[in-house]
């Protein structure tokens, strides 16, 4: 399966010390299944220097070698996982997490949800309501690399780097 990483910098290999913090799936390196999404991320960081790195990954091999948590759809477990990570509560011992990307609209909904429930814990219905507000949209699938071993594996499978400003 092909995954993409959008960046504003040229580099040889990923390094976890440059990992994104407090995002959907925790502190890690993020890849997208959609090239357009990776390009959007790169251009958001720097409109003049946007690169998209392409990786061909054998998902069966990946699942055999690493502890992978996969969310097949936007669901209560996905929402709780994203909420915890965005609240800086990391509760995972996985190497890789795969699931929907919380885009800007989803982030706004999630932030509103967090503010609404500062003083009490949300109930099942509260989560269902949030999911119904989120489920109408298409969220690209993302992969987050959380451990150095996962990063090194993916580094070995880079097949191309495209300068999106040269196109």
N, C-alpha and C. Protein backbone atom coordinates (compact mmCIF):
# COMPACT_ATOMS: atom_id res chain seq x y z
N UNK A 1 0.85 -1.16 0.00
CA UNK A 1 0.00 0.00 0.00
C UNK A 1 0.90 1.24 0.00
N UNK A 2 0.47 2.25 -0.70
CA UNK A 2 1.25 3.47 -0.82
C UNK A 2 0.82 4.49 0.25
N UNK A 3 1.81 5.07 0.92
CA UNK A 3 1.59 6.15 1.88
C UNK A 3 2.49 7.32 1.51
N UNK A 4 2.08 8.52 1.93
CA UNK A 4 2.79 9.75 1.57
C UNK A 4 3.04 10.57 2.82
N UNK A 5 4.14 11.34 2.78
CA UNK A 5 4.46 12.27 3.86
C UNK A 5 4.75 13.63 3.25
N UNK A 6 4.01 14.64 3.68
CA UNK A 6 4.23 16.00 3.20
C UNK A 6 5.13 16.75 4.15
N UNK A 7 6.10 17.48 3.59
CA UNK A 7 7.06 18.21 4.40
C UNK A 7 7.54 19.46 3.67
N UNK A 8 8.05 20.40 4.42
CA UNK A 8 8.63 21.60 3.82
C UNK A 8 10.16 21.51 3.78
N UNK A 9 10.70 20.37 4.20
CA UNK A 9 12.15 20.22 4.27
C UNK A 9 12.59 18.94 3.56
N UNK A 10 13.76 19.01 2.94
CA UNK A 10 14.37 17.82 2.36
C UNK A 10 15.14 17.10 3.47
N UNK A 11 15.04 15.78 3.52
CA UNK A 11 15.81 14.99 4.49
C UNK A 11 15.97 13.58 3.95
N UNK A 12 16.92 12.85 4.52
CA UNK A 12 17.19 11.48 4.06
C UNK A 12 16.24 10.49 4.70
N UNK A 13 16.16 10.51 6.03
CA UNK A 13 15.34 9.56 6.78
C UNK A 13 14.55 10.28 7.86
N UNK A 14 13.43 9.68 8.25
CA UNK A 14 12.68 10.19 9.38
C UNK A 14 13.50 10.04 10.65
N UNK A 15 13.24 10.92 11.61
CA UNK A 15 13.86 10.84 12.92
C UNK A 15 12.80 11.25 13.93
N UNK A 16 12.55 10.41 14.92
CA UNK A 16 11.50 10.69 15.90
C UNK A 16 11.72 11.97 16.70
N UNK A 17 12.95 12.47 16.74
CA UNK A 17 13.16 13.72 17.49
C UNK A 17 12.45 14.89 16.81
N UNK A 18 12.03 14.71 15.55
CA UNK A 18 11.27 15.74 14.85
C UNK A 18 9.78 15.39 14.78
N UNK A 19 9.37 14.48 15.63
CA UNK A 19 7.97 14.01 15.63
C UNK A 19 7.00 15.12 15.98
N UNK A 20 5.82 15.03 15.41
CA UNK A 20 4.74 15.97 15.69
C UNK A 20 4.13 15.60 17.04
N UNK A 21 3.91 16.60 17.89
CA UNK A 21 3.37 16.36 19.23
C UNK A 21 1.88 16.70 19.29
N UNK A 22 1.19 16.04 20.20
CA UNK A 22 -0.20 16.35 20.55
C UNK A 22 -1.14 16.31 19.35
N UNK A 23 -0.95 15.34 18.50
CA UNK A 23 -1.82 15.19 17.34
C UNK A 23 -2.77 14.01 17.58
N UNK A 24 -3.49 13.63 16.54
CA UNK A 24 -4.55 12.61 16.65
C UNK A 24 -4.10 11.34 17.36
N UNK A 25 -2.95 10.80 16.96
CA UNK A 25 -2.52 9.51 17.48
C UNK A 25 -1.28 9.59 18.36
N UNK A 26 -0.95 10.78 18.81
CA UNK A 26 0.18 10.94 19.71
C UNK A 26 1.39 11.52 19.01
N UNK A 27 2.52 11.46 19.71
CA UNK A 27 3.76 12.02 19.20
C UNK A 27 4.41 11.01 18.26
N UNK A 28 4.43 11.35 16.98
CA UNK A 28 5.00 10.42 16.02
C UNK A 28 5.18 11.06 14.65
N UNK A 29 5.56 10.24 13.70
CA UNK A 29 5.71 10.64 12.31
C UNK A 29 4.42 10.22 11.60
N UNK A 30 3.81 11.17 10.88
CA UNK A 30 2.51 10.93 10.24
C UNK A 30 2.64 10.78 8.72
N UNK A 31 1.95 9.77 8.21
CA UNK A 31 1.86 9.50 6.77
C UNK A 31 0.38 9.49 6.39
N UNK A 32 0.08 9.80 5.14
CA UNK A 32 -1.30 9.78 4.65
C UNK A 32 -1.42 8.81 3.49
N UNK A 33 -2.59 8.20 3.33
CA UNK A 33 -2.83 7.35 2.16
C UNK A 33 -3.11 8.20 0.92
N UNK A 34 -3.35 9.47 1.11
CA UNK A 34 -3.71 10.35 -0.01
C UNK A 34 -2.57 11.32 -0.32
N UNK A 35 -2.10 11.30 -1.55
CA UNK A 35 -1.02 12.20 -1.95
C UNK A 35 -1.45 13.66 -1.82
N UNK A 36 -2.69 13.99 -2.21
CA UNK A 36 -3.17 15.37 -2.13
C UNK A 36 -3.14 15.88 -0.69
N UNK A 37 -3.42 14.99 0.26
CA UNK A 37 -3.43 15.36 1.67
C UNK A 37 -2.01 15.66 2.15
N UNK A 38 -1.06 14.83 1.76
CA UNK A 38 0.34 15.06 2.12
C UNK A 38 0.83 16.38 1.52
N UNK A 39 0.44 16.64 0.28
CA UNK A 39 0.84 17.90 -0.36
C UNK A 39 0.22 19.10 0.37
N UNK A 40 -1.03 18.98 0.78
CA UNK A 40 -1.70 20.05 1.53
C UNK A 40 -0.95 20.36 2.83
N UNK A 41 -0.56 19.31 3.53
CA UNK A 41 0.19 19.46 4.79
C UNK A 41 1.52 20.19 4.51
N UNK A 42 2.22 19.76 3.47
CA UNK A 42 3.51 20.37 3.14
C UNK A 42 3.35 21.84 2.80
N UNK A 43 2.35 22.16 2.00
CA UNK A 43 2.15 23.55 1.58
C UNK A 43 1.62 24.42 2.72
N UNK A 44 0.95 23.80 3.67
CA UNK A 44 0.50 24.55 4.85
C UNK A 44 1.71 24.98 5.68
N UNK A 45 2.72 24.12 5.72
CA UNK A 45 3.94 24.42 6.48
C UNK A 45 4.78 25.48 5.77
N UNK A 46 4.85 25.39 4.44
CA UNK A 46 5.65 26.36 3.69
C UNK A 46 5.23 26.29 2.22
N UNK A 47 4.56 27.31 1.75
CA UNK A 47 4.03 27.33 0.38
C UNK A 47 5.13 27.28 -0.68
N UNK A 48 6.32 27.73 -0.32
CA UNK A 48 7.39 27.81 -1.31
C UNK A 48 8.29 26.57 -1.35
N UNK A 49 8.24 25.77 -0.31
CA UNK A 49 9.08 24.56 -0.25
C UNK A 49 8.21 23.39 0.20
N UNK A 50 7.60 22.71 -0.76
CA UNK A 50 6.72 21.58 -0.43
C UNK A 50 7.22 20.32 -1.12
N UNK A 51 7.47 19.29 -0.31
CA UNK A 51 7.93 18.01 -0.83
C UNK A 51 6.99 16.92 -0.35
N UNK A 52 6.78 15.93 -1.21
CA UNK A 52 5.99 14.76 -0.82
C UNK A 52 6.85 13.53 -1.01
N UNK A 53 7.01 12.81 0.08
CA UNK A 53 7.78 11.56 0.08
C UNK A 53 6.79 10.40 -0.07
N UNK A 54 7.13 9.43 -0.90
CA UNK A 54 6.25 8.29 -1.19
C UNK A 54 6.87 7.00 -0.65
N UNK A 55 6.04 6.18 0.00
CA UNK A 55 6.49 4.93 0.60
C UNK A 55 5.58 3.80 0.13
N UNK A 56 6.17 2.70 -0.34
CA UNK A 56 5.41 1.50 -0.67
C UNK A 56 5.58 0.52 0.49
N UNK A 57 4.48 0.26 1.19
CA UNK A 57 4.53 -0.57 2.40
C UNK A 57 3.74 -1.85 2.21
N UNK A 58 4.32 -2.94 2.63
CA UNK A 58 3.63 -4.23 2.64
C UNK A 58 2.90 -4.31 3.98
N UNK A 59 1.60 -4.13 3.93
CA UNK A 59 0.82 -4.04 5.16
C UNK A 59 0.79 -5.35 5.95
N UNK A 60 0.81 -6.48 5.27
CA UNK A 60 0.85 -7.77 5.98
C UNK A 60 2.15 -7.90 6.76
N UNK A 61 3.25 -7.56 6.11
CA UNK A 61 4.56 -7.60 6.78
C UNK A 61 4.61 -6.61 7.94
N UNK A 62 4.07 -5.44 7.71
CA UNK A 62 4.04 -4.41 8.74
C UNK A 62 3.29 -4.91 9.98
N UNK A 63 2.14 -5.55 9.76
CA UNK A 63 1.33 -6.06 10.88
C UNK A 63 2.01 -7.23 11.59
N UNK A 64 2.82 -7.99 10.88
CA UNK A 64 3.56 -9.10 11.48
C UNK A 64 4.71 -8.60 12.35
N UNK A 65 5.39 -7.56 11.90
CA UNK A 65 6.59 -7.06 12.58
C UNK A 65 6.29 -6.14 13.75
N UNK A 66 5.14 -5.45 13.70
CA UNK A 66 4.87 -4.40 14.68
C UNK A 66 3.51 -4.55 15.32
N UNK A 67 3.40 -3.93 16.49
CA UNK A 67 2.11 -3.87 17.18
C UNK A 67 1.34 -2.69 16.57
N UNK A 68 0.26 -3.02 15.86
CA UNK A 68 -0.50 -2.02 15.10
C UNK A 68 -1.91 -1.90 15.66
N UNK A 69 -2.32 -0.68 15.91
CA UNK A 69 -3.70 -0.38 16.29
C UNK A 69 -4.35 0.26 15.08
N UNK A 70 -5.46 -0.32 14.62
CA UNK A 70 -6.12 0.22 13.43
C UNK A 70 -7.58 0.51 13.71
N UNK A 71 -7.98 1.73 13.42
CA UNK A 71 -9.37 2.15 13.52
C UNK A 71 -9.94 2.13 12.11
N UNK A 72 -10.89 1.23 11.85
CA UNK A 72 -11.45 1.07 10.51
C UNK A 72 -12.40 2.21 10.12
N UNK A 73 -12.93 2.90 11.13
CA UNK A 73 -13.86 3.99 10.86
C UNK A 73 -13.87 4.95 12.04
N UNK A 74 -14.51 6.11 11.84
CA UNK A 74 -14.70 7.05 12.94
C UNK A 74 -15.69 6.40 13.90
N UNK A 75 -15.25 6.19 15.13
CA UNK A 75 -16.04 5.44 16.10
C UNK A 75 -15.76 5.99 17.50
N UNK A 76 -16.48 5.49 18.49
CA UNK A 76 -16.23 5.94 19.87
C UNK A 76 -14.78 5.64 20.29
N UNK A 77 -14.24 4.43 20.03
CA UNK A 77 -12.84 4.21 20.40
C UNK A 77 -11.87 5.19 19.70
N UNK A 78 -12.14 5.49 18.41
CA UNK A 78 -11.30 6.45 17.68
C UNK A 78 -11.39 7.82 18.34
N UNK A 79 -12.61 8.28 18.63
CA UNK A 79 -12.81 9.59 19.25
C UNK A 79 -12.08 9.66 20.59
N UNK A 80 -12.25 8.65 21.42
CA UNK A 80 -11.59 8.65 22.75
C UNK A 80 -10.07 8.67 22.60
N UNK A 81 -9.57 7.91 21.64
CA UNK A 81 -8.12 7.87 21.43
C UNK A 81 -7.61 9.24 21.00
N UNK A 82 -8.29 9.87 20.04
CA UNK A 82 -7.90 11.20 19.56
C UNK A 82 -8.02 12.23 20.68
N UNK A 83 -9.11 12.18 21.43
CA UNK A 83 -9.30 13.12 22.55
C UNK A 83 -8.17 12.99 23.56
N UNK A 84 -7.82 11.77 23.92
CA UNK A 84 -6.73 11.56 24.88
C UNK A 84 -5.42 12.15 24.36
N UNK A 85 -5.10 11.88 23.09
CA UNK A 85 -3.84 12.37 22.54
C UNK A 85 -3.82 13.89 22.43
N UNK A 86 -4.93 14.47 22.05
CA UNK A 86 -4.99 15.93 21.94
C UNK A 86 -4.99 16.58 23.32
N UNK A 87 -5.36 15.81 24.34
CA UNK A 87 -5.32 16.30 25.73
C UNK A 87 -4.00 15.94 26.40
N UNK A 88 -3.07 15.41 25.61
CA UNK A 88 -1.73 15.04 26.08
C UNK A 88 -1.75 13.89 27.07
N UNK A 89 -2.73 12.99 26.91
CA UNK A 89 -2.82 11.77 27.72
C UNK A 89 -2.50 10.61 26.79
N UNK A 90 -1.27 10.11 26.85
CA UNK A 90 -0.85 9.04 25.95
C UNK A 90 -1.00 7.69 26.64
N UNK A 91 -1.83 6.85 26.07
CA UNK A 91 -2.13 5.56 26.70
C UNK A 91 -1.88 4.40 25.74
N UNK A 92 -0.84 4.46 24.97
CA UNK A 92 -0.64 3.41 23.98
C UNK A 92 0.75 2.81 24.07
N UNK A 93 0.82 1.52 23.78
CA UNK A 93 2.11 0.86 23.69
C UNK A 93 2.26 0.26 22.28
N UNK A 94 1.55 0.86 21.32
CA UNK A 94 1.63 0.42 19.94
C UNK A 94 2.82 1.07 19.24
N UNK A 95 3.28 0.39 18.17
CA UNK A 95 4.34 0.94 17.33
C UNK A 95 3.75 1.85 16.26
N UNK A 96 2.55 1.48 15.80
CA UNK A 96 1.91 2.17 14.68
C UNK A 96 0.42 2.27 14.97
N UNK A 97 -0.17 3.43 14.64
CA UNK A 97 -1.62 3.59 14.72
C UNK A 97 -2.11 4.05 13.35
N UNK A 98 -3.19 3.43 12.88
CA UNK A 98 -3.77 3.76 11.57
C UNK A 98 -5.24 4.11 11.77
N UNK A 99 -5.68 5.16 11.10
CA UNK A 99 -7.10 5.53 11.18
C UNK A 99 -7.35 6.87 10.53
N UNK A 100 -8.57 7.34 10.67
CA UNK A 100 -8.98 8.60 10.05
C UNK A 100 -8.20 9.79 10.60
N UNK A 101 -7.97 10.76 9.72
CA UNK A 101 -7.34 12.02 10.08
C UNK A 101 -8.41 12.98 10.60
N UNK A 102 -8.15 13.62 11.70
CA UNK A 102 -9.06 14.67 12.18
C UNK A 102 -8.62 15.97 11.52
N UNK A 103 -9.34 16.37 10.46
CA UNK A 103 -8.98 17.59 9.74
C UNK A 103 -9.40 18.82 10.54
N UNK A 104 -9.29 20.01 9.93
CA UNK A 104 -9.58 21.26 10.65
C UNK A 104 -11.00 21.30 11.19
N UNK A 105 -11.98 20.84 10.39
CA UNK A 105 -13.37 20.83 10.85
C UNK A 105 -13.53 19.86 12.01
N UNK A 106 -12.95 18.68 11.88
CA UNK A 106 -13.03 17.69 12.96
C UNK A 106 -12.33 18.22 14.21
N UNK A 107 -11.19 18.87 14.03
CA UNK A 107 -10.47 19.43 15.17
C UNK A 107 -11.32 20.46 15.89
N UNK A 108 -12.03 21.28 15.12
CA UNK A 108 -12.91 22.29 15.75
C UNK A 108 -14.02 21.60 16.55
N UNK A 109 -14.59 20.55 15.99
CA UNK A 109 -15.64 19.80 16.70
C UNK A 109 -15.08 19.16 17.97
N UNK A 110 -13.89 18.59 17.85
CA UNK A 110 -13.26 17.93 18.99
C UNK A 110 -12.91 18.95 20.07
N UNK A 111 -12.37 20.09 19.68
CA UNK A 111 -12.05 21.14 20.66
C UNK A 111 -13.31 21.65 21.36
N UNK A 112 -14.38 21.82 20.61
CA UNK A 112 -15.65 22.23 21.20
C UNK A 112 -16.15 21.19 22.19
N UNK A 113 -16.01 19.93 21.81
CA UNK A 113 -16.41 18.82 22.67
C UNK A 113 -15.60 18.84 23.97
N UNK A 114 -14.28 19.04 23.86
CA UNK A 114 -13.43 19.09 25.05
C UNK A 114 -13.83 20.22 25.99
N UNK A 115 -14.12 21.39 25.43
CA UNK A 115 -14.54 22.54 26.25
C UNK A 115 -15.87 22.27 26.94
N UNK A 116 -16.78 21.64 26.21
CA UNK A 116 -18.12 21.36 26.74
C UNK A 116 -18.05 20.41 27.94
N UNK A 117 -17.09 19.51 27.94
CA UNK A 117 -17.04 18.49 28.99
C UNK A 117 -15.86 18.64 29.93
N UNK A 118 -15.46 19.87 30.20
CA UNK A 118 -14.38 20.12 31.16
C UNK A 118 -14.78 19.73 32.58
N UNK A 119 -16.03 19.97 32.91
CA UNK A 119 -16.46 19.77 34.29
C UNK A 119 -17.15 18.41 34.53
N UNK A 120 -17.42 17.67 33.49
CA UNK A 120 -18.02 16.34 33.68
C UNK A 120 -17.57 15.41 32.57
N UNK A 121 -17.68 14.12 32.83
CA UNK A 121 -17.32 13.14 31.82
C UNK A 121 -18.46 12.96 30.82
N UNK A 122 -18.14 12.92 29.52
CA UNK A 122 -19.19 12.72 28.53
C UNK A 122 -19.75 11.30 28.62
N UNK A 123 -21.02 11.17 28.27
CA UNK A 123 -21.66 9.87 28.25
C UNK A 123 -21.64 9.28 26.85
N UNK A 124 -22.16 8.07 26.72
CA UNK A 124 -22.19 7.37 25.44
C UNK A 124 -22.92 8.20 24.38
N UNK A 125 -24.04 8.81 24.76
CA UNK A 125 -24.82 9.62 23.82
C UNK A 125 -24.01 10.83 23.35
N UNK A 126 -23.23 11.43 24.24
CA UNK A 126 -22.39 12.57 23.86
C UNK A 126 -21.38 12.16 22.78
N UNK A 127 -20.76 10.99 22.96
CA UNK A 127 -19.82 10.50 21.96
C UNK A 127 -20.52 10.20 20.64
N UNK A 128 -21.70 9.59 20.70
CA UNK A 128 -22.46 9.27 19.48
C UNK A 128 -22.82 10.55 18.73
N UNK A 129 -23.21 11.59 19.47
CA UNK A 129 -23.54 12.87 18.84
C UNK A 129 -22.32 13.46 18.13
N UNK A 130 -21.17 13.39 18.78
CA UNK A 130 -19.95 13.89 18.16
C UNK A 130 -19.63 13.10 16.89
N UNK A 131 -19.73 11.80 16.95
CA UNK A 131 -19.44 10.96 15.79
C UNK A 131 -20.40 11.28 14.64
N UNK A 132 -21.66 11.51 14.95
CA UNK A 132 -22.62 11.83 13.88
C UNK A 132 -22.25 13.16 13.21
N UNK A 133 -21.71 14.10 13.97
CA UNK A 133 -21.27 15.38 13.38
C UNK A 133 -20.01 15.19 12.52
N UNK A 134 -19.20 14.21 12.87
CA UNK A 134 -17.95 13.98 12.15
C UNK A 134 -18.11 13.04 10.96
N UNK A 135 -19.02 12.07 11.06
CA UNK A 135 -19.10 10.99 10.08
C UNK A 135 -19.54 11.41 8.69
N UNK A 136 -20.14 12.56 8.54
CA UNK A 136 -20.59 12.99 7.22
C UNK A 136 -19.42 13.34 6.30
N UNK A 137 -18.28 13.61 6.87
CA UNK A 137 -17.11 14.01 6.08
C UNK A 137 -16.21 12.82 5.79
N UNK A 138 -15.43 12.96 4.72
CA UNK A 138 -14.43 11.96 4.39
C UNK A 138 -13.10 12.41 5.00
N UNK A 139 -12.55 11.58 5.83
CA UNK A 139 -11.26 11.89 6.44
C UNK A 139 -10.22 10.94 5.87
N UNK A 140 -9.15 11.47 5.29
CA UNK A 140 -8.12 10.59 4.75
C UNK A 140 -7.54 9.69 5.84
N UNK A 141 -7.15 8.50 5.45
CA UNK A 141 -6.53 7.57 6.40
C UNK A 141 -5.08 8.00 6.61
N UNK A 142 -4.68 7.98 7.89
CA UNK A 142 -3.30 8.32 8.24
C UNK A 142 -2.67 7.17 9.00
N UNK A 143 -1.36 7.17 8.99
CA UNK A 143 -0.57 6.21 9.77
C UNK A 143 0.38 7.02 10.62
N UNK A 144 0.45 6.69 11.90
CA UNK A 144 1.38 7.36 12.80
C UNK A 144 2.42 6.35 13.28
N UNK A 145 3.67 6.68 13.07
CA UNK A 145 4.80 5.85 13.51
C UNK A 145 5.23 6.35 14.88
N UNK A 146 5.09 5.50 15.89
CA UNK A 146 5.32 5.92 17.27
C UNK A 146 6.65 5.44 17.86
N UNK A 147 7.27 4.45 17.22
CA UNK A 147 8.53 3.92 17.76
C UNK A 147 9.65 4.03 16.73
N UNK A 148 10.88 4.03 17.22
CA UNK A 148 12.03 4.12 16.33
C UNK A 148 12.10 2.92 15.39
N UNK A 149 11.71 1.73 15.86
CA UNK A 149 11.74 0.54 15.01
C UNK A 149 10.79 0.70 13.82
N UNK A 150 9.60 1.25 14.07
CA UNK A 150 8.64 1.47 12.99
C UNK A 150 9.17 2.52 12.01
N UNK A 151 9.78 3.56 12.54
CA UNK A 151 10.36 4.61 11.69
C UNK A 151 11.44 4.03 10.79
N UNK A 152 12.32 3.22 11.36
CA UNK A 152 13.41 2.63 10.57
C UNK A 152 12.87 1.71 9.47
N UNK A 153 11.84 0.96 9.78
CA UNK A 153 11.22 0.08 8.78
C UNK A 153 10.67 0.91 7.61
N UNK A 154 9.95 1.96 7.91
CA UNK A 154 9.36 2.79 6.87
C UNK A 154 10.45 3.52 6.08
N UNK A 155 11.50 3.97 6.75
CA UNK A 155 12.60 4.64 6.06
C UNK A 155 13.15 3.78 4.92
N UNK A 156 13.16 2.47 5.11
CA UNK A 156 13.70 1.54 4.11
C UNK A 156 12.81 1.42 2.88
N UNK A 157 11.60 1.95 2.93
CA UNK A 157 10.63 1.75 1.85
C UNK A 157 10.27 3.03 1.10
N UNK A 158 11.12 4.04 1.20
CA UNK A 158 10.88 5.28 0.45
C UNK A 158 11.19 5.01 -1.02
N UNK A 159 10.24 5.33 -1.90
CA UNK A 159 10.43 5.07 -3.33
C UNK A 159 10.57 6.35 -4.16
N UNK A 160 10.17 7.49 -3.60
CA UNK A 160 10.27 8.74 -4.36
C UNK A 160 10.10 9.94 -3.46
N UNK A 161 10.71 11.05 -3.86
CA UNK A 161 10.50 12.35 -3.22
C UNK A 161 10.18 13.32 -4.35
N UNK A 162 9.05 14.00 -4.27
CA UNK A 162 8.61 14.91 -5.31
C UNK A 162 8.60 16.34 -4.79
N UNK A 163 9.25 17.23 -5.55
CA UNK A 163 9.21 18.66 -5.23
C UNK A 163 7.94 19.21 -5.84
N UNK A 164 6.95 19.53 -5.02
CA UNK A 164 5.65 19.96 -5.50
C UNK A 164 5.67 21.38 -6.05
N UNK A 165 6.73 22.13 -5.79
CA UNK A 165 6.84 23.48 -6.35
C UNK A 165 7.42 23.46 -7.76
N UNK A 166 8.05 22.35 -8.13
CA UNK A 166 8.66 22.24 -9.45
C UNK A 166 7.65 21.76 -10.49
N UNK A 167 6.50 21.29 -10.05
CA UNK A 167 5.51 20.75 -10.99
C UNK A 167 4.78 21.83 -11.74
